[in-house]
Amino acid sequence: MKKLHLSESEKNIVEHILQKHIPQRVVWAFGSRVHGNVKPYSDLDLAILGDVPLNLAEHADLADDFSESDLPFKVDLVDWNQIDDGFQQIIRENHLILQEKTKAKNDHNQPQ
């Protein structure tokens, strides 16, 4: 069984940042923190899924918040729309769902 190799406090930080910036996106964790070949400072690989690519501001805000957080490791963000089919297949085969898509009542990404 796959397991996300994060402490409860680390997982809470990650989930908070994702909900703050991209609650409408599905996020998958993949890489060493999923398949178990993890060291304490191994990075966390996240695939951000969605119908359209992340815009530059969303990506920058996410990266900044992760960088400034108390996480003792780097978080690598991968935009699903920007990677090739081969890399997508590798991720599909070995991932865990970290965040499901949520529908906020006042979603700031909805057209006005």
PDB file of N, CA and C in Angstrom:
ATOM      1  N   MET A   1       0.837  -1.191   0.000  1.00  0.00           N
ATOM      2  CA  MET A   1       0.000   0.000   0.000  1.00  0.00           C
ATOM      3  C   MET A   1       0.879   1.253   0.000  1.00  0.00           C
ATOM      4  N   LYS A   2       0.519   2.198  -0.831  1.00  0.00           N
ATOM      5  CA  LYS A   2       1.273   3.445  -0.907  1.00  0.00           C
ATOM      6  C   LYS A   2       0.976   4.311   0.307  1.00  0.00           C
ATOM      7  N   LYS A   3       2.000   5.032   0.732  1.00  0.00           N
ATOM      8  CA  LYS A   3       1.871   5.907   1.886  1.00  0.00           C
ATOM      9  C   LYS A   3       2.640   7.185   1.598  1.00  0.00           C
ATOM     10  N   LEU A   4       2.096   8.309   2.016  1.00  0.00           N
ATOM     11  CA  LEU A   4       2.794   9.577   1.873  1.00  0.00           C
ATOM     12  C   LEU A   4       3.712   9.746   3.075  1.00  0.00           C
ATOM     13  N   HIS A   5       4.990   9.821   2.824  1.00  0.00           N
ATOM     14  CA  HIS A   5       5.993   9.903   3.882  1.00  0.00           C
ATOM     15  C   HIS A   5       6.206  11.356   4.301  1.00  0.00           C
ATOM     16  N   LEU A   6       5.250  11.844   5.105  1.00  0.00           N
ATOM     17  CA  LEU A   6       5.299  13.174   5.713  1.00  0.00           C
ATOM     18  C   LEU A   6       4.797  13.041   7.141  1.00  0.00           C
ATOM     19  N   SER A   7       5.314  13.886   8.019  1.00  0.00           N
ATOM     20  CA  SER A   7       4.750  13.928   9.369  1.00  0.00           C
ATOM     21  C   SER A   7       3.379  14.599   9.285  1.00  0.00           C
ATOM     22  N   GLU A   8       2.604  14.459  10.322  1.00  0.00           N
ATOM     23  CA  GLU A   8       1.276  15.085  10.346  1.00  0.00           C
ATOM     24  C   GLU A   8       1.392  16.604  10.212  1.00  0.00           C
ATOM     25  N   SER A   9       2.366  17.211  10.900  1.00  0.00           N
ATOM     26  CA  SER A   9       2.518  18.670  10.817  1.00  0.00           C
ATOM     27  C   SER A   9       2.971  19.106   9.420  1.00  0.00           C
ATOM     28  N   GLU A  10       3.844  18.323   8.788  1.00  0.00           N
ATOM     29  CA  GLU A  10       4.267  18.647   7.421  1.00  0.00           C
ATOM     30  C   GLU A  10       3.089  18.552   6.456  1.00  0.00           C
ATOM     31  N   LYS A  11       2.295  17.510   6.611  1.00  0.00           N
ATOM     32  CA  LYS A  11       1.125  17.337   5.742  1.00  0.00           C
ATOM     33  C   LYS A  11       0.147  18.492   5.931  1.00  0.00           C
ATOM     34  N   ASN A  12      -0.050  18.931   7.168  1.00  0.00           N
ATOM     35  CA  ASN A  12      -0.945  20.057   7.443  1.00  0.00           C
ATOM     36  C   ASN A  12      -0.465  21.334   6.767  1.00  0.00           C
ATOM     37  N   ILE A  13       0.834  21.587   6.800  1.00  0.00           N
ATOM     38  CA  ILE A  13       1.398  22.772   6.144  1.00  0.00           C
ATOM     39  C   ILE A  13       1.145  22.710   4.644  1.00  0.00           C
ATOM     40  N   VAL A  14       1.437  21.563   4.041  1.00  0.00           N
ATOM     41  CA  VAL A  14       1.250  21.391   2.596  1.00  0.00           C
ATOM     42  C   VAL A  14      -0.218  21.596   2.228  1.00  0.00           C
ATOM     43  N   GLU A  15      -1.111  20.954   2.954  1.00  0.00           N
ATOM     44  CA  GLU A  15      -2.541  21.072   2.652  1.00  0.00           C
ATOM     45  C   GLU A  15      -3.032  22.508   2.802  1.00  0.00           C
ATOM     46  N   HIS A  16      -2.555  23.203   3.823  1.00  0.00           N
ATOM     47  CA  HIS A  16      -2.957  24.600   4.037  1.00  0.00           C
ATOM     48  C   HIS A  16      -2.531  25.480   2.859  1.00  0.00           C
ATOM     49  N   ILE A  17      -1.306  25.325   2.408  1.00  0.00           N
ATOM     50  CA  ILE A  17      -0.808  26.135   1.289  1.00  0.00           C
ATOM     51  C   ILE A  17      -1.589  25.828   0.012  1.00  0.00           C
ATOM     52  N   LEU A  18      -1.847  24.558  -0.244  1.00  0.00           N
ATOM     53  CA  LEU A  18      -2.609  24.194  -1.441  1.00  0.00           C
ATOM     54  C   LEU A  18      -4.021  24.765  -1.388  1.00  0.00           C
ATOM     55  N   GLN A  19      -4.682  24.659  -0.241  1.00  0.00           N
ATOM     56  CA  GLN A  19      -6.042  25.193  -0.111  1.00  0.00           C
ATOM     57  C   GLN A  19      -6.071  26.717  -0.235  1.00  0.00           C
ATOM     58  N   LYS A  20      -5.032  27.356   0.247  1.00  0.00           N
ATOM     59  CA  LYS A  20      -4.953  28.819   0.176  1.00  0.00           C
ATOM     60  C   LYS A  20      -4.870  29.297  -1.272  1.00  0.00           C
ATOM     61  N   HIS A  21      -4.099  28.607  -2.085  1.00  0.00           N
ATOM     62  CA  HIS A  21      -3.815  29.095  -3.439  1.00  0.00           C
ATOM     63  C   HIS A  21      -4.606  28.404  -4.547  1.00  0.00           C
ATOM     64  N   ILE A  22      -4.796  27.094  -4.442  1.00  0.00           N
ATOM     65  CA  ILE A  22      -5.420  26.366  -5.560  1.00  0.00           C
ATOM     66  C   ILE A  22      -6.430  25.327  -5.057  1.00  0.00           C
ATOM     67  N   PRO A  23      -7.453  25.761  -4.320  1.00  0.00           N
ATOM     68  CA  PRO A  23      -8.429  24.792  -3.810  1.00  0.00           C
ATOM     69  C   PRO A  23      -9.218  24.103  -4.921  1.00  0.00           C
ATOM     70  N   GLN A  24      -9.266  24.702  -6.090  1.00  0.00           N
ATOM     71  CA  GLN A  24     -10.037  24.162  -7.211  1.00  0.00           C
ATOM     72  C   GLN A  24      -9.251  23.151  -8.029  1.00  0.00           C
ATOM     73  N   ARG A  25      -8.028  22.840  -7.630  1.00  0.00           N
ATOM     74  CA  ARG A  25      -7.175  21.916  -8.381  1.00  0.00           C
ATOM     75  C   ARG A  25      -7.003  20.593  -7.650  1.00  0.00           C
ATOM     76  N   VAL A  26      -6.884  19.532  -8.430  1.00  0.00           N
ATOM     77  CA  VAL A  26      -6.484  18.230  -7.901  1.00  0.00           C
ATOM     78  C   VAL A  26      -4.964  18.235  -7.821  1.00  0.00           C
ATOM     79  N   VAL A  27      -4.422  17.713  -6.727  1.00  0.00           N
ATOM     80  CA  VAL A  27      -2.968  17.661  -6.552  1.00  0.00           C
ATOM     81  C   VAL A  27      -2.572  16.238  -6.187  1.00  0.00           C
ATOM     82  N   TRP A  28      -1.616  15.716  -6.937  1.00  0.00           N
ATOM     83  CA  TRP A  28      -1.071  14.387  -6.681  1.00  0.00           C
ATOM     84  C   TRP A  28       0.352  14.513  -6.162  1.00  0.00           C
ATOM     85  N   ALA A  29       0.691  13.717  -5.164  1.00  0.00           N
ATOM     86  CA  ALA A  29       2.074  13.572  -4.714  1.00  0.00           C
ATOM     87  C   ALA A  29       2.663  12.369  -5.443  1.00  0.00           C
ATOM     88  N   PHE A  30       3.934  12.469  -5.814  1.00  0.00           N
ATOM     89  CA  PHE A  30       4.614  11.365  -6.478  1.00  0.00           C
ATOM     90  C   PHE A  30       6.089  11.415  -6.105  1.00  0.00           C
ATOM     91  N   GLY A  31       6.850  10.456  -6.579  1.00  0.00           N
ATOM     92  CA  GLY A  31       8.286  10.444  -6.304  1.00  0.00           C
ATOM     93  C   GLY A  31       8.629   9.718  -5.014  1.00  0.00           C
ATOM     94  N   SER A  32       9.790  10.042  -4.469  1.00  0.00           N
ATOM     95  CA  SER A  32      10.333   9.285  -3.340  1.00  0.00           C
ATOM     96  C   SER A  32       9.452   9.319  -2.098  1.00  0.00           C
ATOM     97  N   ARG A  33       8.738  10.394  -1.864  1.00  0.00           N
ATOM     98  CA  ARG A  33       7.885  10.471  -0.670  1.00  0.00           C
ATOM     99  C   ARG A  33       6.621   9.626  -0.804  1.00  0.00           C
ATOM    100  N   VAL A  34       6.394   9.063  -2.000  1.00  0.00           N
ATOM    101  CA  VAL A  34       5.280   8.132  -2.191  1.00  0.00           C
ATOM    102  C   VAL A  34       5.794   6.704  -2.271  1.00  0.00           C
ATOM    103  N   HIS A  35       6.864   6.477  -3.040  1.00  0.00           N
ATOM    104  CA  HIS A  35       7.301   5.087  -3.215  1.00  0.00           C
ATOM    105  C   HIS A  35       8.232   4.598  -2.122  1.00  0.00           C
ATOM    106  N   GLY A  36       8.574   5.450  -1.159  1.00  0.00           N
ATOM    107  CA  GLY A  36       9.233   4.980   0.044  1.00  0.00           C
ATOM    108  C   GLY A  36      10.739   5.087   0.101  1.00  0.00           C
ATOM    109  N   ASN A  37      11.382   5.457  -0.979  1.00  0.00           N
ATOM    110  CA  ASN A  37      12.834   5.623  -0.981  1.00  0.00           C
ATOM    111  C   ASN A  37      13.150   7.043  -0.519  1.00  0.00           C
ATOM    112  N   VAL A  38      12.779   7.337   0.724  1.00  0.00           N
ATOM    113  CA  VAL A  38      12.804   8.710   1.220  1.00  0.00           C
ATOM    114  C   VAL A  38      13.844   8.889   2.309  1.00  0.00           C
ATOM    115  N   LYS A  39      14.465  10.046   2.292  1.00  0.00           N
ATOM    116  CA  LYS A  39      15.380  10.481   3.343  1.00  0.00           C
ATOM    117  C   LYS A  39      14.725  11.699   4.008  1.00  0.00           C
ATOM    118  N   PRO A  40      15.164  12.101   5.199  1.00  0.00           N
ATOM    119  CA  PRO A  40      14.493  13.213   5.897  1.00  0.00           C
ATOM    120  C   PRO A  40      14.368  14.494   5.064  1.00  0.00           C
ATOM    121  N   TYR A  41      15.352  14.771   4.218  1.00  0.00           N
ATOM    122  CA  TYR A  41      15.311  16.019   3.452  1.00  0.00           C
ATOM    123  C   TYR A  41      14.992  15.794   1.982  1.00  0.00           C
ATOM    124  N   SER A  42      14.443  14.624   1.654  1.00  0.00           N
ATOM    125  CA  SER A  42      14.009  14.371   0.277  1.00  0.00           C
ATOM    126  C   SER A  42      12.924  15.374  -0.090  1.00  0.00           C
ATOM    127  N   ASP A  43      12.960  15.845  -1.336  1.00  0.00           N
ATOM    128  CA  ASP A  43      11.947  16.810  -1.751  1.00  0.00           C
ATOM    129  C   ASP A  43      10.581  16.149  -1.877  1.00  0.00           C
ATOM    130  N   LEU A  44       9.559  16.983  -1.931  1.00  0.00           N
ATOM    131  CA  LEU A  44       8.187  16.529  -2.141  1.00  0.00           C
ATOM    132  C   LEU A  44       7.795  16.953  -3.544  1.00  0.00           C
ATOM    133  N   ASP A  45       7.436  15.979  -4.376  1.00  0.00           N
ATOM    134  CA  ASP A  45       7.035  16.249  -5.752  1.00  0.00           C
ATOM    135  C   ASP A  45       5.518  16.294  -5.831  1.00  0.00           C
ATOM    136  N   LEU A  46       4.991  17.402  -6.355  1.00  0.00           N
ATOM    137  CA  LEU A  46       3.550  17.568  -6.482  1.00  0.00           C
ATOM    138  C   LEU A  46       3.178  17.854  -7.926  1.00  0.00           C
ATOM    139  N   ALA A  47       2.217  17.105  -8.442  1.00  0.00           N
ATOM    140  CA  ALA A  47       1.659  17.362  -9.771  1.00  0.00           C
ATOM    141  C   ALA A  47       0.349  18.114  -9.583  1.00  0.00           C
ATOM    142  N   ILE A  48       0.251  19.277 -10.233  1.00  0.00           N
ATOM    143  CA  ILE A  48      -0.938  20.113 -10.155  1.00  0.00           C
ATOM    144  C   ILE A  48      -1.771  19.859 -11.406  1.00  0.00           C
ATOM    145  N   LEU A  49      -2.961  19.298 -11.230  1.00  0.00           N
ATOM    146  CA  LEU A  49      -3.823  18.971 -12.359  1.00  0.00           C
ATOM    147  C   LEU A  49      -4.884  20.049 -12.543  1.00  0.00           C
ATOM    148  N   GLY A  50      -5.375  20.158 -13.762  1.00  0.00           N
ATOM    149  CA  GLY A  50      -6.433  21.117 -14.059  1.00  0.00           C
ATOM    150  C   GLY A  50      -6.674  21.190 -15.543  1.00  0.00           C
ATOM    151  N   ASP A  51      -7.750  21.848 -15.913  1.00  0.00           N
ATOM    152  CA  ASP A  51      -8.104  21.975 -17.325  1.00  0.00           C
ATOM    153  C   ASP A  51      -7.160  22.900 -18.084  1.00  0.00           C
ATOM    154  N   VAL A  52      -6.583  23.853 -17.375  1.00  0.00           N
ATOM    155  CA  VAL A  52      -5.658  24.809 -17.989  1.00  0.00           C
ATOM    156  C   VAL A  52      -4.398  24.879 -17.134  1.00  0.00           C
ATOM    157  N   PRO A  53      -3.291  25.304 -17.725  1.00  0.00           N
ATOM    158  CA  PRO A  53      -2.058  25.432 -16.945  1.00  0.00           C
ATOM    159  C   PRO A  53      -2.205  26.461 -15.820  1.00  0.00           C
ATOM    160  N   LEU A  54      -1.397  26.294 -14.788  1.00  0.00           N
ATOM    161  CA  LEU A  54      -1.308  27.323 -13.751  1.00  0.00           C
ATOM    162  C   LEU A  54      -0.805  28.599 -14.398  1.00  0.00           C
ATOM    163  N   ASN A  55      -1.332  29.741 -13.973  1.00  0.00           N
ATOM    164  CA  ASN A  55      -0.751  30.975 -14.490  1.00  0.00           C
ATOM    165  C   ASN A  55       0.513  31.286 -13.691  1.00  0.00           C
ATOM    166  N   LEU A  56       1.296  32.188 -14.201  1.00  0.00           N
ATOM    167  CA  LEU A  56       2.594  32.496 -13.595  1.00  0.00           C
ATOM    168  C   LEU A  56       2.451  32.957 -12.146  1.00  0.00           C
ATOM    169  N   ALA A  57       1.445  33.778 -11.867  1.00  0.00           N
ATOM    170  CA  ALA A  57       1.249  34.280 -10.504  1.00  0.00           C
ATOM    171  C   ALA A  57       0.904  33.147  -9.539  1.00  0.00           C
ATOM    172  N   GLU A  58       0.028  32.227  -9.954  1.00  0.00           N
ATOM    173  CA  GLU A  58      -0.331  31.088  -9.100  1.00  0.00           C
ATOM    174  C   GLU A  58       0.901  30.247  -8.780  1.00  0.00           C
ATOM    175  N   HIS A  59       1.670  29.955  -9.813  1.00  0.00           N
ATOM    176  CA  HIS A  59       2.875  29.135  -9.618  1.00  0.00           C
ATOM    177  C   HIS A  59       3.857  29.841  -8.690  1.00  0.00           C
ATOM    178  N   ALA A  60       4.078  31.130  -8.919  1.00  0.00           N
ATOM    179  CA  ALA A  60       5.024  31.891  -8.096  1.00  0.00           C
ATOM    180  C   ALA A  60       4.555  31.980  -6.648  1.00  0.00           C
ATOM    181  N   ASP A  61       3.260  32.234  -6.440  1.00  0.00           N
ATOM    182  CA  ASP A  61       2.734  32.327  -5.074  1.00  0.00           C
ATOM    183  C   ASP A  61       2.867  31.002  -4.328  1.00  0.00           C
ATOM    184  N   LEU A  62       2.560  29.908  -5.009  1.00  0.00           N
ATOM    185  CA  LEU A  62       2.721  28.584  -4.402  1.00  0.00           C
ATOM    186  C   LEU A  62       4.178  28.329  -4.034  1.00  0.00           C
ATOM    187  N   ALA A  63       5.060  28.553  -4.997  1.00  0.00           N
ATOM    188  CA  ALA A  63       6.487  28.310  -4.771  1.00  0.00           C
ATOM    189  C   ALA A  63       7.008  29.163  -3.620  1.00  0.00           C
ATOM    190  N   ASP A  64       6.590  30.428  -3.564  1.00  0.00           N
ATOM    191  CA  ASP A  64       7.032  31.320  -2.487  1.00  0.00           C
ATOM    192  C   ASP A  64       6.550  30.829  -1.127  1.00  0.00           C
ATOM    193  N   ASP A  65       5.273  30.460  -1.040  1.00  0.00           N
ATOM    194  CA  ASP A  65       4.751  29.994   0.249  1.00  0.00           C
ATOM    195  C   ASP A  65       5.431  28.707   0.706  1.00  0.00           C
ATOM    196  N   PHE A  66       5.680  27.793  -0.217  1.00  0.00           N
ATOM    197  CA  PHE A  66       6.386  26.572   0.168  1.00  0.00           C
ATOM    198  C   PHE A  66       7.812  26.892   0.608  1.00  0.00           C
ATOM    199  N   SER A  67       8.468  27.777  -0.107  1.00  0.00           N
ATOM    200  CA  SER A  67       9.843  28.148   0.220  1.00  0.00           C
ATOM    201  C   SER A  67       9.936  28.822   1.593  1.00  0.00           C
ATOM    202  N   GLU A  68       8.945  29.634   1.921  1.00  0.00           N
ATOM    203  CA  GLU A  68       8.951  30.378   3.185  1.00  0.00           C
ATOM    204  C   GLU A  68       8.329  29.603   4.346  1.00  0.00           C
ATOM    205  N   SER A  69       7.825  28.411   4.078  1.00  0.00           N
ATOM    206  CA  SER A  69       7.182  27.612   5.127  1.00  0.00           C
ATOM    207  C   SER A  69       8.226  26.979   6.049  1.00  0.00           C
ATOM    208  N   ASP A  70       7.733  26.298   7.067  1.00  0.00           N
ATOM    209  CA  ASP A  70       8.605  25.592   8.010  1.00  0.00           C
ATOM    210  C   ASP A  70       8.957  24.187   7.545  1.00  0.00           C
ATOM    211  N   LEU A  71       8.617  23.849   6.308  1.00  0.00           N
ATOM    212  CA  LEU A  71       8.966  22.519   5.799  1.00  0.00           C
ATOM    213  C   LEU A  71      10.482  22.390   5.682  1.00  0.00           C
ATOM    214  N   PRO A  72      11.050  21.281   6.159  1.00  0.00           N
ATOM    215  CA  PRO A  72      12.507  21.109   6.122  1.00  0.00           C
ATOM    216  C   PRO A  72      13.013  20.534   4.800  1.00  0.00           C
ATOM    217  N   PHE A  73      12.201  20.612   3.761  1.00  0.00           N
ATOM    218  CA  PHE A  73      12.574  20.071   2.453  1.00  0.00           C
ATOM    219  C   PHE A  73      11.975  20.955   1.366  1.00  0.00           C
ATOM    220  N   LYS A  74      12.476  20.779   0.160  1.00  0.00           N
ATOM    221  CA  LYS A  74      12.004  21.530  -1.004  1.00  0.00           C
ATOM    222  C   LYS A  74      10.740  20.876  -1.553  1.00  0.00           C
ATOM    223  N   VAL A  75       9.837  21.690  -2.073  1.00  0.00           N
ATOM    224  CA  VAL A  75       8.636  21.193  -2.743  1.00  0.00           C
ATOM    225  C   VAL A  75       8.764  21.532  -4.221  1.00  0.00           C
ATOM    226  N   ASP A  76       8.753  20.499  -5.062  1.00  0.00           N
ATOM    227  CA  ASP A  76       8.820  20.682  -6.512  1.00  0.00           C
ATOM    228  C   ASP A  76       7.415  20.616  -7.083  1.00  0.00           C
ATOM    229  N   LEU A  77       7.041  21.655  -7.818  1.00  0.00           N
ATOM    230  CA  LEU A  77       5.711  21.742  -8.416  1.00  0.00           C
ATOM    231  C   LEU A  77       5.792  21.422  -9.898  1.00  0.00           C
ATOM    232  N   VAL A  78       4.933  20.506 -10.342  1.00  0.00           N
ATOM    233  CA  VAL A  78       4.876  20.115 -11.745  1.00  0.00           C
ATOM    234  C   VAL A  78       3.468  20.409 -12.249  1.00  0.00           C
ATOM    235  N   ASP A  79       3.372  21.226 -13.284  1.00  0.00           N
ATOM    236  CA  ASP A  79       2.082  21.533 -13.895  1.00  0.00           C
ATOM    237  C   ASP A  79       1.753  20.441 -14.906  1.00  0.00           C
ATOM    238  N   TRP A  80       0.704  19.688 -14.640  1.00  0.00           N
ATOM    239  CA  TRP A  80       0.307  18.552 -15.474  1.00  0.00           C
ATOM    240  C   TRP A  80       0.199  18.948 -16.946  1.00  0.00           C
ATOM    241  N   ASN A  81      -0.274  20.148 -17.208  1.00  0.00           N
ATOM    242  CA  ASN A  81      -0.473  20.617 -18.579  1.00  0.00           C
ATOM    243  C   ASN A  81       0.833  20.955 -19.292  1.00  0.00           C
ATOM    244  N   GLN A  82       1.929  20.975 -18.558  1.00  0.00           N
ATOM    245  CA  GLN A  82       3.208  21.372 -19.137  1.00  0.00           C
ATOM    246  C   GLN A  82       4.194  20.216 -19.279  1.00  0.00           C
ATOM    247  N   ILE A  83       3.770  19.005 -18.950  1.00  0.00           N
ATOM    248  CA  ILE A  83       4.687  17.866 -19.047  1.00  0.00           C
ATOM    249  C   ILE A  83       4.232  16.914 -20.150  1.00  0.00           C
ATOM    250  N   ASP A  84       5.177  16.132 -20.659  1.00  0.00           N
ATOM    251  CA  ASP A  84       4.850  15.243 -21.778  1.00  0.00           C
ATOM    252  C   ASP A  84       4.115  13.985 -21.308  1.00  0.00           C
ATOM    253  N   ASP A  85       3.550  13.270 -22.281  1.00  0.00           N
ATOM    254  CA  ASP A  85       2.749  12.078 -21.986  1.00  0.00           C
ATOM    255  C   ASP A  85       3.533  11.011 -21.229  1.00  0.00           C
ATOM    256  N   GLY A  86       4.817  10.867 -21.539  1.00  0.00           N
ATOM    257  CA  GLY A  86       5.638   9.865 -20.863  1.00  0.00           C
ATOM    258  C   GLY A  86       5.772  10.142 -19.375  1.00  0.00           C
ATOM    259  N   PHE A  87       6.019  11.403 -19.030  1.00  0.00           N
ATOM    260  CA  PHE A  87       6.142  11.784 -17.625  1.00  0.00           C
ATOM    261  C   PHE A  87       4.785  11.651 -16.929  1.00  0.00           C
ATOM    262  N   GLN A  88       3.707  12.026 -17.626  1.00  0.00           N
ATOM    263  CA  GLN A  88       2.373  11.859 -17.052  1.00  0.00           C
ATOM    264  C   GLN A  88       2.104  10.391 -16.720  1.00  0.00           C
ATOM    265  N   GLN A  89       2.509   9.494 -17.603  1.00  0.00           N
ATOM    266  CA  GLN A  89       2.277   8.066 -17.372  1.00  0.00           C
ATOM    267  C   GLN A  89       3.047   7.565 -16.153  1.00  0.00           C
ATOM    268  N   ILE A  90       4.285   8.011 -16.002  1.00  0.00           N
ATOM    269  CA  ILE A  90       5.092   7.630 -14.833  1.00  0.00           C
ATOM    270  C   ILE A  90       4.396   8.074 -13.548  1.00  0.00           C
ATOM    271  N   ILE A  91       3.886   9.299 -13.543  1.00  0.00           N
ATOM    272  CA  ILE A  91       3.199   9.823 -12.358  1.00  0.00           C
ATOM    273  C   ILE A  91       1.902   9.057 -12.107  1.00  0.00           C
ATOM    274  N   ARG A  92       1.138   8.787 -13.167  1.00  0.00           N
ATOM    275  CA  ARG A  92      -0.128   8.043 -13.026  1.00  0.00           C
ATOM    276  C   ARG A  92       0.088   6.694 -12.335  1.00  0.00           C
ATOM    277  N   GLU A  93       1.208   6.053 -12.640  1.00  0.00           N
ATOM    278  CA  GLU A  93       1.471   4.711 -12.120  1.00  0.00           C
ATOM    279  C   GLU A  93       1.875   4.693 -10.651  1.00  0.00           C
ATOM    280  N   ASN A  94       2.317   5.815 -10.112  1.00  0.00           N
ATOM    281  CA  ASN A  94       2.816   5.815  -8.737  1.00  0.00           C
ATOM    282  C   ASN A  94       2.563   7.170  -8.083  1.00  0.00           C
ATOM    283  N   HIS A  95       1.315   7.419  -7.716  1.00  0.00           N
ATOM    284  CA  HIS A  95       0.972   8.682  -7.069  1.00  0.00           C
ATOM    285  C   HIS A  95      -0.034   8.447  -5.946  1.00  0.00           C
ATOM    286  N   LEU A  96      -0.176   9.447  -5.120  1.00  0.00           N
ATOM    287  CA  LEU A  96      -1.229   9.496  -4.109  1.00  0.00           C
ATOM    288  C   LEU A  96      -1.970  10.814  -4.281  1.00  0.00           C
ATOM    289  N   ILE A  97      -3.271  10.782  -4.115  1.00  0.00           N
ATOM    290  CA  ILE A  97      -4.051  12.013  -4.203  1.00  0.00           C
ATOM    291  C   ILE A  97      -3.872  12.782  -2.899  1.00  0.00           C
ATOM    292  N   LEU A  98      -3.321  13.971  -3.009  1.00  0.00           N
ATOM    293  CA  LEU A  98      -3.097  14.812  -1.841  1.00  0.00           C
ATOM    294  C   LEU A  98      -4.261  15.781  -1.642  1.00  0.00           C
ATOM    295  N   GLN A  99      -4.834  16.239  -2.754  1.00  0.00           N
ATOM    296  CA  GLN A  99      -5.966  17.165  -2.672  1.00  0.00           C
ATOM    297  C   GLN A  99      -6.951  16.868  -3.792  1.00  0.00           C
ATOM    298  N   GLU A 100      -8.213  16.771  -3.414  1.00  0.00           N
ATOM    299  CA  GLU A 100      -9.298  16.649  -4.386  1.00  0.00           C
ATOM    300  C   GLU A 100      -9.742  18.052  -4.778  1.00  0.00           C
ATOM    301  N   LYS A 101     -10.388  18.154  -5.907  1.00  0.00           N
ATOM    302  CA  LYS A 101     -10.929  19.433  -6.352  1.00  0.00           C
ATOM    303  C   LYS A 101     -12.071  19.829  -5.427  1.00  0.00           C
ATOM    304  N   THR A 102     -12.060  21.079  -4.965  1.00  0.00           N
ATOM    305  CA  THR A 102     -13.155  21.587  -4.145  1.00  0.00           C
ATOM    306  C   THR A 102     -13.860  22.699  -4.899  1.00  0.00           C
ATOM    307  N   LYS A 103     -15.124  22.835  -4.630  1.00  0.00           N
ATOM    308  CA  LYS A 103     -15.901  23.896  -5.273  1.00  0.00           C
ATOM    309  C   LYS A 103     -16.275  24.911  -4.208  1.00  0.00           C
ATOM    310  N   ALA A 104     -15.563  26.009  -4.210  1.00  0.00           N
ATOM    311  CA  ALA A 104     -15.845  27.069  -3.249  1.00  0.00           C
ATOM    312  C   ALA A 104     -17.027  27.902  -3.739  1.00  0.00           C
ATOM    313  N   LYS A 105     -17.815  28.391  -2.803  1.00  0.00           N
ATOM    314  CA  LYS A 105     -18.962  29.225  -3.174  1.00  0.00           C
ATOM    315  C   LYS A 105     -18.508  30.507  -3.859  1.00  0.00           C
ATOM    316  N   ASN A 106     -17.426  31.078  -3.379  1.00  0.00           N
ATOM    317  CA  ASN A 106     -16.915  32.324  -3.944  1.00  0.00           C
ATOM    318  C   ASN A 106     -15.558  32.084  -4.581  1.00  0.00           C
ATOM    319  N   ASP A 107     -15.501  31.175  -5.521  1.00  0.00           N
ATOM    320  CA  ASP A 107     -14.245  30.824  -6.181  1.00  0.00           C
ATOM    321  C   ASP A 107     -13.747  32.013  -6.989  1.00  0.00           C
ATOM    322  N   HIS A 108     -12.587  32.545  -6.614  1.00  0.00           N
ATOM    323  CA  HIS A 108     -12.050  33.729  -7.294  1.00  0.00           C
ATOM    324  C   HIS A 108     -11.612  33.440  -8.722  1.00  0.00           C
ATOM    325  N   ASN A 109     -11.584  32.189  -9.120  1.00  0.00           N
ATOM    326  CA  ASN A 109     -11.187  31.855 -10.484  1.00  0.00           C
ATOM    327  C   ASN A 109     -12.382  31.737 -11.429  1.00  0.00           C
ATOM    328  N   GLN A 110     -13.583  31.898 -10.898  1.00  0.00           N
ATOM    329  CA  GLN A 110     -14.764  31.838 -11.743  1.00  0.00           C
ATOM    330  C   GLN A 110     -14.970  33.191 -12.419  1.00  0.00           C
ATOM    331  N   PRO A 111     -15.448  33.183 -13.664  1.00  0.00           N
ATOM    332  CA  PRO A 111     -15.711  34.452 -14.354  1.00  0.00           C
ATOM    333  C   PRO A 111     -16.754  35.266 -13.601  1.00  0.00           C
ATOM    334  N   GLN A 112     -16.605  36.550 -13.625  1.00  0.00           N
ATOM    335  CA  GLN A 112     -17.546  37.462 -12.953  1.00  0.00           C
ATOM    336  C   GLN A 112     -18.716  37.774 -13.854  1.00  0.00           C
TER     337      GLN A 112
END
